[in-house]
Amino acid sequence: MESIVSELEGTLLRNKDPFSYFMLVAFEASGLIRFALLLLFWPIIKLLDACGKPDIGLKLAIFLATAGVPMSEIESVARAVLPKFYYDDIDLDAWKVFNLCDKRVVVTKMPTVMVEWFVKEHLGADGVIGTEIAVSQFGFATGLVRSGGFGSSVIDRVATMFNDQQPSLGLARCHLDSPFLSMCKEQVNAPYIIKDQKQSLLQETRPVPVIFHDGRLVKQPTPSTALLILIWIPIGVVLAIIRIAIGAMLPMWAIPYMACVFGCKVIVKGVPPPPPTGSNSGVLFVCTHRTLMDPVVLSTVLQRSIPAVTYSVSRLSEILSPIPTVRLTRIRHVDAQKIKEELSKGDLVVCPEGTTCREPFLLRFSALFAELTDMIVPVAMNYRVGFFHATTAKGWKGLDPIFFFMNPRPVYEVTFLNQLPAEATCSSGKSPYDVANYVQRILAATLGFECTNYTRKDKYKVLAGNDGLVSYTTVMDRVQKMGKTVRKVMGTFKPFVFS
C-alpha cells in the first residue's frame, strides 16, 4: 500500500501564504474590528518573514485571528466558509499525484482546526498534521500555539502517524521548507508529473466539489483586497441605503430606469408572459433560487408586483420587500391551500429549491408546485456580485438585501423559458415528481448548472449544524422559552450566589 505526505501551502494549494485565510477567520468568526487589526499587523508579519522568523510571524497571525474567539465559531468558519476559498486555490496537478496513494496525510502550518474538514472531505486525506491552538476551559481560543507544531516536531508526528515506517512519497515545493521530505522514500517537487501510464487514467478525477458555503466575502481577502473592502464598506452602506430607499419609493415600472443610474444592471432574456386576465387564473413562475432578491427582480422586470412564497425570510426583509410575501409553514396541505388561493388571484412566484445555492448547482425541486397548476413558466435566475454575498445560513438574514446592494455593480440575469406545454404537466398523467425534475433539468441546462438531489436540510447540516427548519411560535411561547433559559442560567450560578 503506497502512502504519501504532502505539504498544503504552496503544494496542494497554489498560494504558500496563509495570511488571507486568517483574515477570513477574523472577519467571519469575530468581525470587522479584528479584520482591520490583523490587516494593520500585516507589514510586521511580512517583516518577520523577511528577517528569517516566519514561525514568529505565523504565531502572531494565529494570535490576532483567534485570541478570545470561541472554538465553536472557528470550527464553523472552517466548515462553512474556508473550503470554498481553499477549493479555488487547489493545484490540480499536485492533487492528482496526492490522490493516487492509499494513505494520504497533509502537513500544514495553519491550525489543524482550520483545514481538517476541507482536506478530509474534499481532498480525501486520512490525517492532518498542523499547529494546535490552546483552548481555555470555557471553550475560547487563547491564540497561543501549543508546542509541537513547527520544525523537527513535524517529523516526529509524521513518524508517529506512519508507525515509524517511511512514507512512499513526499510532496512539497521545496526540500528546505519541508523537513518531512527527508524521511520519505521518494520526493516529488513541482512540476508534478505522473509517469505511469496506468495511473494517468486517473487524470480526469477531481476533488469533491464545494456545493454549499457560507460567509459574506466573495473575494479572497489578500492584503490589497482587504484594504479595498475596508475602504468600500462605509461607501457601500450609504449606497445600499439609497438604493433600497429609492426602490421602496418609486413605482415598479420606474425602478429599471433608475437602477442603471445607481450602478445596478438587469439582463433579461426570453419573452415573459402577459399579465393574467380576469377570466384566467394566474401563472406560476418557477424560479431558480440564488438570493433573496429573486422575486423582487422578477417583479421589476415584469413591471408589476407579483407575490412570492417564502419560508425563512426575516421579518425585516418582509418589511423592506416591495412585493407581497406569502409565508409557508412546511405543512404540505396548509401550504398547498395558500398557493391555490394566491393563484386564484393572479400570478405567483415560487422557488422550489427551498433555499439558495451560490454554486452552479440546482438543489432538488419540491414537487408541490406541479400538483397545483398546469400554468407553469420556468425562469432561470442568476446574479453576479463583486464584494459581498447576499445570502447566509448562520448570519442574520435581515442583512441579506443590504449586503446585496452594498456591492459596487450588482448584476442580475433573468431568462424566461416558454410555458410548459400540457403534455409536460400533470394534466397529461405525469407525476408531480417527473414534472419537477423536468423543470429542474431545463433550468439547469439554460444556466449551464448541474442538477443535484441535495435539499435545504443537507445545506443547513453542512453550514449551520441543523436541519434548517424554522419553528413558528407565538410571542408568549418565545417569552416562556426565554424565561426557561434564564432560569437555567441562574441555576448554574446558584452555588456561587449562596456560597
Protein backbone atom coordinates (compact mmCIF):
# COMPACT_ATOMS: atom_id res chain seq x y z
CA MET A 1 0.00 0.00 0.00
CA GLU A 2 1.52 3.32 -1.11
CA SER A 3 1.44 6.29 1.25
CA ILE A 4 2.07 9.97 0.73
CA VAL A 5 2.76 13.03 2.86
CA SER A 6 2.06 16.37 1.23
CA GLU A 7 2.51 19.96 2.20
CA LEU A 8 -0.66 22.04 1.97
CA GLU A 9 0.50 25.62 1.43
CA GLY A 10 2.30 26.05 -1.88
CA THR A 11 1.72 22.44 -2.94
CA LEU A 12 -1.86 21.20 -2.74
CA LEU A 13 -2.79 24.87 -2.57
CA ARG A 14 -1.05 27.15 -5.06
CA ASN A 15 -0.67 30.02 -2.60
CA LYS A 16 2.03 29.42 0.00
CA ASP A 17 0.97 32.38 2.17
CA PRO A 18 -1.91 31.50 4.56
CA PHE A 19 -2.49 35.12 5.64
CA SER A 20 -5.74 35.55 3.68
CA TYR A 21 -7.24 32.52 5.44
CA PHE A 22 -6.55 34.10 8.82
CA MET A 23 -8.24 37.23 7.51
CA LEU A 24 -11.32 35.15 6.70
CA VAL A 25 -11.39 33.69 10.20
CA ALA A 26 -11.01 37.17 11.69
CA PHE A 27 -13.87 38.59 9.59
CA GLU A 28 -16.35 35.71 9.79
CA ALA A 29 -15.73 34.49 13.34
CA SER A 30 -15.15 37.83 15.05
CA GLY A 31 -15.95 40.86 12.93
CA LEU A 32 -14.72 43.96 11.20
CA ILE A 33 -12.54 45.29 14.04
CA ARG A 34 -10.40 42.16 14.26
CA PHE A 35 -10.30 42.04 10.46
CA ALA A 36 -8.86 45.58 10.36
CA LEU A 37 -6.48 44.87 13.26
CA LEU A 38 -4.99 41.82 11.56
CA LEU A 39 -4.53 43.80 8.34
CA LEU A 40 -2.76 46.52 10.35
CA PHE A 41 -0.23 43.96 11.57
CA TRP A 42 0.38 42.50 8.11
CA PRO A 43 3.55 44.60 7.45
CA ILE A 44 5.02 43.35 10.75
CA ILE A 45 4.22 39.74 9.85
CA LYS A 46 5.88 40.16 6.44
CA LEU A 47 8.89 41.84 8.06
CA LEU A 48 9.33 38.90 10.44
CA ASP A 49 9.15 36.56 7.46
CA ALA A 50 11.78 38.58 5.57
CA CYS A 51 14.05 38.54 8.63
CA GLY A 52 14.03 34.75 8.76
CA LYS A 53 11.46 34.49 11.56
CA PRO A 54 8.43 33.07 9.69
CA ASP A 55 7.34 30.97 12.66
CA ILE A 56 7.02 34.06 14.87
CA GLY A 57 5.05 35.86 12.15
CA LEU A 58 2.75 32.85 11.82
CA LYS A 59 2.19 32.69 15.57
CA LEU A 60 1.37 36.41 15.59
CA ALA A 61 -1.18 35.93 12.80
CA ILE A 62 -2.77 33.00 14.63
CA PHE A 63 -2.98 35.00 17.86
CA LEU A 64 -4.54 38.06 16.24
CA ALA A 65 -7.07 35.97 14.29
CA THR A 66 -8.20 33.62 17.05
CA ALA A 67 -7.47 35.00 20.54
CA GLY A 68 -10.72 35.19 22.52
CA VAL A 69 -12.83 33.63 19.75
CA PRO A 70 -15.00 30.63 20.74
CA MET A 71 -13.58 27.46 19.24
CA SER A 72 -17.06 26.58 18.03
CA GLU A 73 -17.02 29.72 15.84
CA ILE A 74 -13.61 28.86 14.39
CA GLU A 75 -14.81 25.33 13.65
CA SER A 76 -17.93 26.73 11.99
CA VAL A 77 -15.87 29.03 9.74
CA ALA A 78 -13.53 26.14 8.87
CA ARG A 79 -16.52 24.05 7.87
CA ALA A 80 -18.73 26.61 6.11
CA VAL A 81 -16.51 29.42 4.80
CA LEU A 82 -12.90 28.36 4.22
CA PRO A 83 -13.49 25.30 1.97
CA LYS A 84 -14.69 27.44 -0.93
CA PHE A 85 -11.51 29.55 -0.88
CA TYR A 86 -9.28 26.51 -0.43
CA TYR A 87 -11.00 24.75 -3.32
CA ASP A 88 -10.50 27.68 -5.68
CA ASP A 89 -6.77 27.57 -4.89
CA ILE A 90 -6.17 23.83 -5.43
CA ASP A 91 -3.23 22.83 -7.62
CA LEU A 92 -4.87 20.02 -9.60
CA ASP A 93 -1.57 18.52 -10.76
CA ALA A 94 -0.37 18.16 -7.19
CA TRP A 95 -3.71 16.79 -6.02
CA LYS A 96 -3.76 14.13 -8.75
CA VAL A 97 -0.42 12.80 -7.51
CA PHE A 98 -1.68 13.01 -3.92
CA ASN A 99 -4.87 11.13 -4.81
CA LEU A 100 -3.00 8.15 -6.30
CA CYS A 101 -1.87 6.80 -2.94
CA ASP A 102 -3.87 4.73 -0.49
CA LYS A 103 -2.85 6.51 2.68
CA ARG A 104 -2.75 10.30 2.44
CA VAL A 105 -1.51 12.75 5.08
CA VAL A 106 -1.39 16.55 4.84
CA VAL A 107 1.13 18.74 6.67
CA THR A 108 0.21 22.39 7.21
CA LYS A 109 1.46 25.42 9.09
CA MET A 110 -2.09 26.53 9.79
CA PRO A 111 -4.03 25.33 12.84
CA THR A 112 -5.45 21.86 12.31
CA VAL A 113 -8.95 23.08 13.11
CA MET A 114 -8.85 25.42 10.10
CA VAL A 115 -8.04 22.77 7.49
CA GLU A 116 -9.10 19.35 8.80
CA TRP A 117 -12.67 19.42 7.45
CA PHE A 118 -11.58 20.52 3.98
CA VAL A 119 -8.65 18.14 3.44
CA LYS A 120 -10.61 15.13 4.67
CA GLU A 121 -13.93 15.84 2.96
CA HIS A 122 -12.71 17.38 -0.30
CA LEU A 123 -9.11 16.23 -0.84
CA GLY A 124 -9.56 12.71 0.55
CA ALA A 125 -6.83 12.96 3.20
CA ASP A 126 -6.68 10.44 6.04
CA GLY A 127 -4.86 12.66 8.50
CA VAL A 128 -3.69 16.21 9.16
CA ILE A 129 -0.56 17.42 10.92
CA GLY A 130 -0.82 21.10 11.78
CA THR A 131 -0.42 23.51 14.63
CA GLU A 132 -2.71 23.17 17.63
CA ILE A 133 -4.34 26.16 19.30
CA ALA A 134 -4.54 26.20 23.09
CA VAL A 135 -8.12 26.40 24.35
CA SER A 136 -9.32 27.82 27.66
CA GLN A 137 -11.56 25.84 29.99
CA PHE A 138 -14.51 27.94 28.78
CA GLY A 139 -14.03 26.89 25.15
CA PHE A 140 -12.32 30.07 23.90
CA ALA A 141 -9.15 30.05 21.80
CA THR A 142 -6.23 31.64 23.63
CA GLY A 143 -4.48 32.38 20.34
CA LEU A 144 -1.37 30.61 21.62
CA VAL A 145 0.14 27.65 19.78
CA ARG A 146 0.87 24.53 21.76
CA SER A 147 4.38 23.09 21.43
CA GLY A 148 4.88 20.54 18.72
CA GLY A 149 3.64 22.45 15.73
CA PHE A 150 6.87 23.53 14.00
CA GLY A 151 10.21 22.28 12.73
CA SER A 152 11.61 18.91 13.78
CA SER A 153 8.48 18.08 15.79
CA VAL A 154 6.63 17.70 12.48
CA ILE A 155 8.99 14.87 11.54
CA ASP A 156 8.22 13.16 14.85
CA ARG A 157 4.48 13.49 14.30
CA VAL A 158 4.75 12.13 10.74
CA ALA A 159 6.78 9.18 12.04
CA THR A 160 4.17 8.52 14.72
CA MET A 161 1.32 8.64 12.19
CA PHE A 162 3.09 6.10 9.97
CA ASN A 163 4.20 3.88 12.87
CA ASP A 164 7.87 4.78 12.28
CA GLN A 165 7.71 3.48 8.70
CA GLN A 166 8.84 5.53 5.73
CA PRO A 167 6.06 7.08 3.63
CA SER A 168 6.32 6.12 -0.04
CA LEU A 169 6.08 9.69 -1.38
CA GLY A 170 6.75 13.17 -0.08
CA LEU A 171 5.10 16.04 -1.94
CA ALA A 172 6.32 19.61 -1.41
CA ARG A 173 7.50 22.69 -3.25
CA CYS A 174 10.93 22.90 -1.57
CA HIS A 175 13.07 20.48 0.43
CA LEU A 176 14.42 23.18 2.75
CA ASP A 177 10.97 24.37 3.79
CA SER A 178 9.63 20.84 4.26
CA PRO A 179 11.82 18.82 6.63
CA PHE A 180 9.49 15.80 6.50
CA LEU A 181 10.65 15.09 2.93
CA SER A 182 13.90 13.61 4.23
CA MET A 183 12.06 10.67 5.76
CA CYS A 184 10.15 9.75 2.56
CA LYS A 185 11.34 7.07 0.13
CA GLU A 186 10.70 9.29 -2.89
CA GLN A 187 10.41 13.06 -3.09
CA VAL A 188 8.23 14.82 -5.64
CA ASN A 189 8.60 18.51 -6.39
CA ALA A 190 6.97 20.78 -8.96
CA PRO A 191 6.19 20.19 -11.78
CA TYR A 192 4.05 17.29 -10.58
CA ILE A 193 4.06 14.72 -13.38
CA ILE A 194 2.63 11.18 -13.33
CA LYS A 195 4.93 8.88 -15.28
CA ASP A 196 2.95 5.63 -15.02
CA GLN A 197 0.60 5.25 -18.00
CA LYS A 198 -1.86 3.21 -15.91
CA GLN A 199 -2.03 5.93 -13.31
CA SER A 200 -2.65 8.54 -15.98
CA LEU A 201 -6.17 7.11 -16.35
CA LEU A 202 -6.99 8.91 -13.13
CA GLN A 203 -6.13 12.29 -14.60
CA GLU A 204 -9.78 13.17 -15.16
CA THR A 205 -10.70 12.79 -11.48
CA ARG A 206 -11.27 15.96 -9.48
CA PRO A 207 -11.61 16.80 -5.80
CA VAL A 208 -15.08 16.65 -4.25
CA PRO A 209 -16.67 20.00 -5.19
CA VAL A 210 -17.81 22.57 -2.64
CA ILE A 211 -21.55 22.91 -3.24
CA PHE A 212 -22.52 24.71 -0.04
CA HIS A 213 -20.58 27.53 1.58
CA ASP A 214 -21.35 30.48 3.82
CA GLY A 215 -19.78 33.80 4.73
CA ARG A 216 -20.21 37.28 3.32
CA LEU A 217 -16.95 37.85 1.42
CA VAL A 218 -16.85 36.98 -2.28
CA LYS A 219 -13.16 37.61 -2.92
CA GLN A 220 -10.26 36.10 -1.01
CA PRO A 221 -9.08 38.88 1.35
CA THR A 222 -5.47 39.31 0.34
CA PRO A 223 -3.95 42.44 1.95
CA SER A 224 -4.78 44.66 -1.04
CA THR A 225 -8.31 43.27 -1.40
CA ALA A 226 -8.93 43.53 2.35
CA LEU A 227 -7.86 47.18 2.32
CA LEU A 228 -10.20 47.84 -0.61
CA ILE A 229 -13.08 46.16 1.27
CA LEU A 230 -12.46 48.27 4.38
CA ILE A 231 -12.44 51.45 2.33
CA TRP A 232 -15.57 50.45 0.44
CA ILE A 233 -17.76 49.32 3.38
CA PRO A 234 -18.84 52.82 4.59
CA ILE A 235 -19.45 53.87 0.98
CA GLY A 236 -21.35 50.66 0.33
CA VAL A 237 -23.59 51.08 3.38
CA VAL A 238 -24.64 54.58 2.24
CA LEU A 239 -25.15 53.35 -1.33
CA ALA A 240 -27.26 50.40 -0.12
CA ILE A 241 -29.50 52.67 1.95
CA ILE A 242 -30.02 54.98 -1.04
CA ARG A 243 -30.76 52.10 -3.42
CA ILE A 244 -33.25 50.47 -1.01
CA ALA A 245 -34.97 53.81 -0.25
CA ILE A 246 -35.37 54.63 -3.94
CA GLY A 247 -36.68 51.14 -4.67
CA ALA A 248 -39.25 51.48 -1.88
CA MET A 249 -40.49 54.90 -3.03
CA LEU A 250 -40.61 54.52 -6.81
CA PRO A 251 -43.38 52.71 -8.68
CA MET A 252 -42.40 49.29 -10.02
CA TRP A 253 -42.27 50.43 -13.67
CA ALA A 254 -39.72 53.17 -12.89
CA ILE A 255 -37.22 51.02 -10.97
CA PRO A 256 -35.42 49.53 -14.03
CA TYR A 257 -34.62 53.02 -15.35
CA MET A 258 -33.27 54.28 -12.01
CA ALA A 259 -31.34 51.07 -11.31
CA CYS A 260 -28.87 51.87 -14.09
CA VAL A 261 -28.21 55.30 -12.59
CA PHE A 262 -27.14 53.74 -9.28
CA GLY A 263 -24.93 51.03 -10.75
CA CYS A 264 -27.36 48.08 -10.84
CA LYS A 265 -27.92 46.08 -14.00
CA VAL A 266 -30.59 43.56 -15.02
CA ILE A 267 -30.14 41.43 -18.13
CA VAL A 268 -33.40 39.98 -19.50
CA LYS A 269 -33.62 37.11 -21.99
CA GLY A 270 -36.66 35.39 -23.41
CA VAL A 271 -40.24 36.63 -23.63
CA PRO A 272 -42.26 37.00 -20.42
CA PRO A 273 -45.96 36.03 -20.47
CA PRO A 274 -48.63 38.75 -20.50
CA PRO A 275 -50.48 39.72 -17.30
CA PRO A 276 -53.42 37.45 -16.38
CA THR A 277 -56.90 38.46 -17.50
CA GLY A 278 -59.90 38.41 -15.23
CA SER A 279 -61.17 35.07 -16.60
CA ASN A 280 -57.87 33.18 -16.26
CA SER A 281 -56.02 32.07 -13.16
CA GLY A 282 -52.51 33.31 -12.63
CA VAL A 283 -49.26 31.91 -13.95
CA LEU A 284 -46.85 30.21 -11.56
CA PHE A 285 -43.30 31.46 -12.15
CA VAL A 286 -40.92 28.68 -11.07
CA CYS A 287 -37.51 30.26 -10.41
CA THR A 288 -34.06 29.07 -9.52
CA HIS A 289 -33.14 30.45 -6.11
CA ARG A 290 -29.91 32.44 -5.98
CA THR A 291 -30.67 35.23 -3.48
CA LEU A 292 -33.50 36.78 -1.53
CA MET A 293 -33.85 39.30 -4.38
CA ASP A 294 -35.06 36.77 -6.97
CA PRO A 295 -38.83 37.52 -6.73
CA VAL A 296 -38.21 41.27 -6.40
CA VAL A 297 -36.07 41.35 -9.54
CA LEU A 298 -38.66 39.28 -11.40
CA SER A 299 -41.42 41.73 -10.43
CA THR A 300 -39.20 44.62 -11.50
CA VAL A 301 -38.64 43.04 -14.91
CA LEU A 302 -42.36 42.37 -15.37
CA GLN A 303 -43.11 45.90 -14.08
CA ARG A 304 -45.88 44.67 -11.79
CA SER A 305 -45.95 43.46 -8.22
CA ILE A 306 -46.11 39.65 -8.05
CA PRO A 307 -46.48 37.90 -4.65
CA ALA A 308 -43.76 35.43 -3.68
CA VAL A 309 -43.99 32.44 -1.36
CA THR A 310 -41.30 32.45 1.35
CA TYR A 311 -40.20 30.22 4.18
CA SER A 312 -37.41 31.52 6.39
CA VAL A 313 -37.28 35.17 5.33
CA SER A 314 -36.66 37.54 8.24
CA ARG A 315 -39.33 39.97 9.39
CA LEU A 316 -37.08 42.90 8.39
CA SER A 317 -36.81 41.54 4.85
CA GLU A 318 -40.58 41.21 4.68
CA ILE A 319 -40.99 44.82 5.82
CA LEU A 320 -38.45 46.08 3.27
CA SER A 321 -39.87 43.94 0.46
CA PRO A 322 -41.62 45.98 -2.25
CA ILE A 323 -43.75 42.96 -3.18
CA PRO A 324 -46.26 40.93 -1.11
CA THR A 325 -44.92 37.78 0.54
CA VAL A 326 -46.79 34.60 1.46
CA ARG A 327 -45.12 32.81 4.37
CA LEU A 328 -45.17 29.00 4.13
CA THR A 329 -45.18 26.60 7.07
CA ARG A 330 -43.74 23.39 5.54
CA ILE A 331 -47.07 21.72 6.38
CA ARG A 332 -47.95 20.36 2.96
CA HIS A 333 -51.74 20.68 2.89
CA VAL A 334 -51.63 24.14 4.50
CA ASP A 335 -49.05 25.40 2.01
CA ALA A 336 -50.95 23.89 -0.92
CA GLN A 337 -54.11 25.73 0.09
CA LYS A 338 -52.22 29.04 0.43
CA ILE A 339 -50.65 28.70 -3.01
CA LYS A 340 -54.01 27.81 -4.61
CA GLU A 341 -55.63 30.86 -3.06
CA GLU A 342 -52.89 33.15 -4.35
CA LEU A 343 -53.04 31.66 -7.86
CA SER A 344 -56.77 32.28 -7.96
CA LYS A 345 -55.97 35.99 -7.52
CA GLY A 346 -53.20 36.23 -10.12
CA ASP A 347 -49.55 35.39 -10.82
CA LEU A 348 -47.27 33.94 -8.15
CA VAL A 349 -43.51 33.33 -7.75
CA VAL A 350 -42.14 30.15 -6.17
CA CYS A 351 -38.58 28.88 -5.69
CA PRO A 352 -38.97 25.09 -5.31
CA GLU A 353 -35.38 24.54 -4.18
CA GLY A 354 -36.46 25.91 -0.80
CA THR A 355 -33.15 27.66 -0.17
CA THR A 356 -30.41 29.44 -2.04
CA CYS A 357 -27.29 27.88 -3.54
CA ARG A 358 -24.31 30.01 -4.58
CA GLU A 359 -22.50 27.48 -6.74
CA PRO A 360 -23.52 26.31 -10.26
CA PHE A 361 -25.77 23.56 -8.91
CA LEU A 362 -29.53 23.26 -8.56
CA LEU A 363 -30.94 21.60 -5.47
CA ARG A 364 -33.78 19.12 -5.67
CA PHE A 365 -37.09 20.74 -6.59
CA SER A 366 -40.12 20.25 -4.37
CA ALA A 367 -42.93 18.71 -6.42
CA LEU A 368 -45.69 20.64 -4.64
CA PHE A 369 -45.91 23.36 -7.30
CA ALA A 370 -46.54 20.80 -10.07
CA GLU A 371 -49.61 19.45 -8.25
CA LEU A 372 -51.34 22.82 -8.02
CA THR A 373 -51.35 24.23 -11.55
CA ASP A 374 -50.51 23.49 -15.17
CA MET A 375 -49.75 27.16 -15.93
CA ILE A 376 -46.01 26.90 -15.22
CA VAL A 377 -43.38 29.29 -16.57
CA PRO A 378 -39.76 28.35 -15.67
CA VAL A 379 -37.47 31.32 -15.02
CA ALA A 380 -33.69 30.95 -14.80
CA MET A 381 -32.27 33.46 -12.31
CA ASN A 382 -28.59 34.16 -11.78
CA TYR A 383 -26.54 37.02 -10.35
CA ARG A 384 -23.02 38.41 -10.07
CA VAL A 385 -21.59 40.49 -7.24
CA GLY A 386 -18.13 41.83 -6.50
CA PHE A 387 -17.56 42.07 -2.75
CA PHE A 388 -20.36 40.61 -0.63
CA HIS A 389 -22.65 37.60 -0.80
CA ALA A 390 -26.33 38.36 -0.36
CA THR A 391 -27.16 35.06 1.39
CA THR A 392 -26.30 33.48 4.72
CA ALA A 393 -27.11 30.30 6.62
CA LYS A 394 -25.87 31.21 10.11
CA GLY A 395 -25.87 35.01 9.96
CA TRP A 396 -28.77 37.43 10.24
CA LYS A 397 -30.86 37.08 7.09
CA GLY A 398 -32.28 40.58 7.60
CA LEU A 399 -28.97 41.96 6.28
CA ASP A 400 -29.14 40.00 3.02
CA PRO A 401 -30.66 42.80 0.90
CA ILE A 402 -28.29 45.34 2.44
CA PHE A 403 -25.22 43.26 1.59
CA PHE A 404 -26.55 42.74 -1.94
CA PHE A 405 -26.92 46.46 -2.54
CA MET A 406 -23.55 47.21 -0.91
CA ASN A 407 -21.84 45.71 -3.95
CA PRO A 408 -20.50 48.30 -6.42
CA ARG A 409 -22.22 46.88 -9.52
CA PRO A 410 -24.62 44.00 -8.79
CA VAL A 411 -25.85 42.26 -11.92
CA TYR A 412 -28.92 40.03 -12.29
CA GLU A 413 -29.73 37.78 -15.23
CA VAL A 414 -33.36 36.76 -15.81
CA THR A 415 -34.15 34.23 -18.53
CA PHE A 416 -37.79 33.42 -19.29
CA LEU A 417 -38.42 29.97 -20.73
CA ASN A 418 -41.58 29.01 -22.59
CA GLN A 419 -44.60 27.99 -20.56
CA LEU A 420 -44.70 24.22 -20.09
CA PRO A 421 -46.86 22.52 -22.73
CA ALA A 422 -49.82 20.50 -21.49
CA GLU A 423 -48.05 17.20 -22.24
CA ALA A 424 -45.25 18.16 -19.81
CA THR A 425 -47.60 18.82 -16.87
CA CYS A 426 -49.63 16.67 -14.52
CA SER A 427 -52.73 17.12 -16.71
CA SER A 428 -51.20 14.64 -19.18
CA GLY A 429 -50.82 12.00 -16.48
CA LYS A 430 -47.25 12.74 -15.45
CA SER A 431 -46.41 12.53 -11.77
CA PRO A 432 -45.57 15.77 -9.91
CA TYR A 433 -42.05 14.46 -9.34
CA ASP A 434 -41.49 13.92 -13.07
CA VAL A 435 -42.68 17.46 -13.78
CA ALA A 436 -40.48 18.94 -11.04
CA ASN A 437 -37.44 17.02 -12.27
CA TYR A 438 -38.09 18.11 -15.84
CA VAL A 439 -38.30 21.77 -14.84
CA GLN A 440 -35.09 21.40 -12.83
CA ARG A 441 -33.28 19.89 -15.84
CA ILE A 442 -34.31 22.56 -18.34
CA LEU A 443 -33.40 25.36 -15.92
CA ALA A 444 -30.02 23.75 -15.21
CA ALA A 445 -29.36 23.39 -18.95
CA THR A 446 -30.24 27.06 -19.51
CA LEU A 447 -27.80 28.24 -16.85
CA GLY A 448 -25.12 25.63 -17.51
CA PHE A 449 -25.61 24.29 -13.99
CA GLU A 450 -25.65 20.73 -12.65
CA CYS A 451 -28.72 19.08 -11.09
CA THR A 452 -28.36 17.53 -7.64
CA ASN A 453 -30.57 15.69 -5.14
CA TYR A 454 -29.42 17.87 -2.26
CA THR A 455 -32.07 19.65 -0.21
CA ARG A 456 -32.37 22.52 2.23
CA LYS A 457 -31.76 20.04 5.04
CA ASP A 458 -28.44 18.95 3.51
CA LYS A 459 -27.30 22.56 3.15
CA TYR A 460 -28.04 23.53 6.73
CA LYS A 461 -26.46 20.37 8.12
CA VAL A 462 -23.18 21.37 6.48
CA LEU A 463 -23.30 25.11 7.13
CA ALA A 464 -25.20 25.53 10.39
CA GLY A 465 -25.26 22.13 12.02
CA ASN A 466 -29.08 21.94 11.99
CA ASP A 467 -31.86 20.80 9.66
CA GLY A 468 -32.84 24.31 8.58
CA LEU A 469 -36.35 24.08 9.99
CA VAL A 470 -37.97 27.24 11.34
CA SER A 471 -40.31 26.96 14.31
CA TYR A 472 -43.35 29.21 14.17
CA THR A 473 -44.31 30.20 17.72
CA THR A 474 -46.31 32.94 19.32
CA VAL A 475 -44.74 35.81 21.22
CA MET A 476 -45.86 34.20 24.50
CA ASP A 477 -44.12 30.94 23.56
CA ARG A 478 -40.89 32.84 22.91
CA VAL A 479 -41.17 34.68 26.25
CA GLN A 480 -41.71 31.39 28.10
CA LYS A 481 -38.74 29.82 26.30
CA MET A 482 -36.56 32.81 27.22
CA GLY A 483 -37.72 32.51 30.84
CA LYS A 484 -36.70 28.86 30.94
CA THR A 485 -33.28 29.77 29.55
CA VAL A 486 -32.79 32.50 32.18
CA ARG A 487 -33.79 30.12 34.99
CA LYS A 488 -31.37 27.52 33.66
CA VAL A 489 -28.52 30.05 33.59
CA MET A 490 -29.35 31.29 37.10
CA GLY A 491 -29.40 27.70 38.32
CA THR A 492 -25.87 27.32 37.02
CA PHE A 493 -24.69 30.26 39.11
CA LYS A 494 -26.73 29.37 42.25
CA PRO A 495 -23.89 27.61 44.10
CA PHE A 496 -21.74 30.74 43.68
CA VAL A 497 -24.52 33.14 44.75
CA PHE A 498 -25.19 31.38 48.04
CA SER A 499 -21.67 30.25 48.88
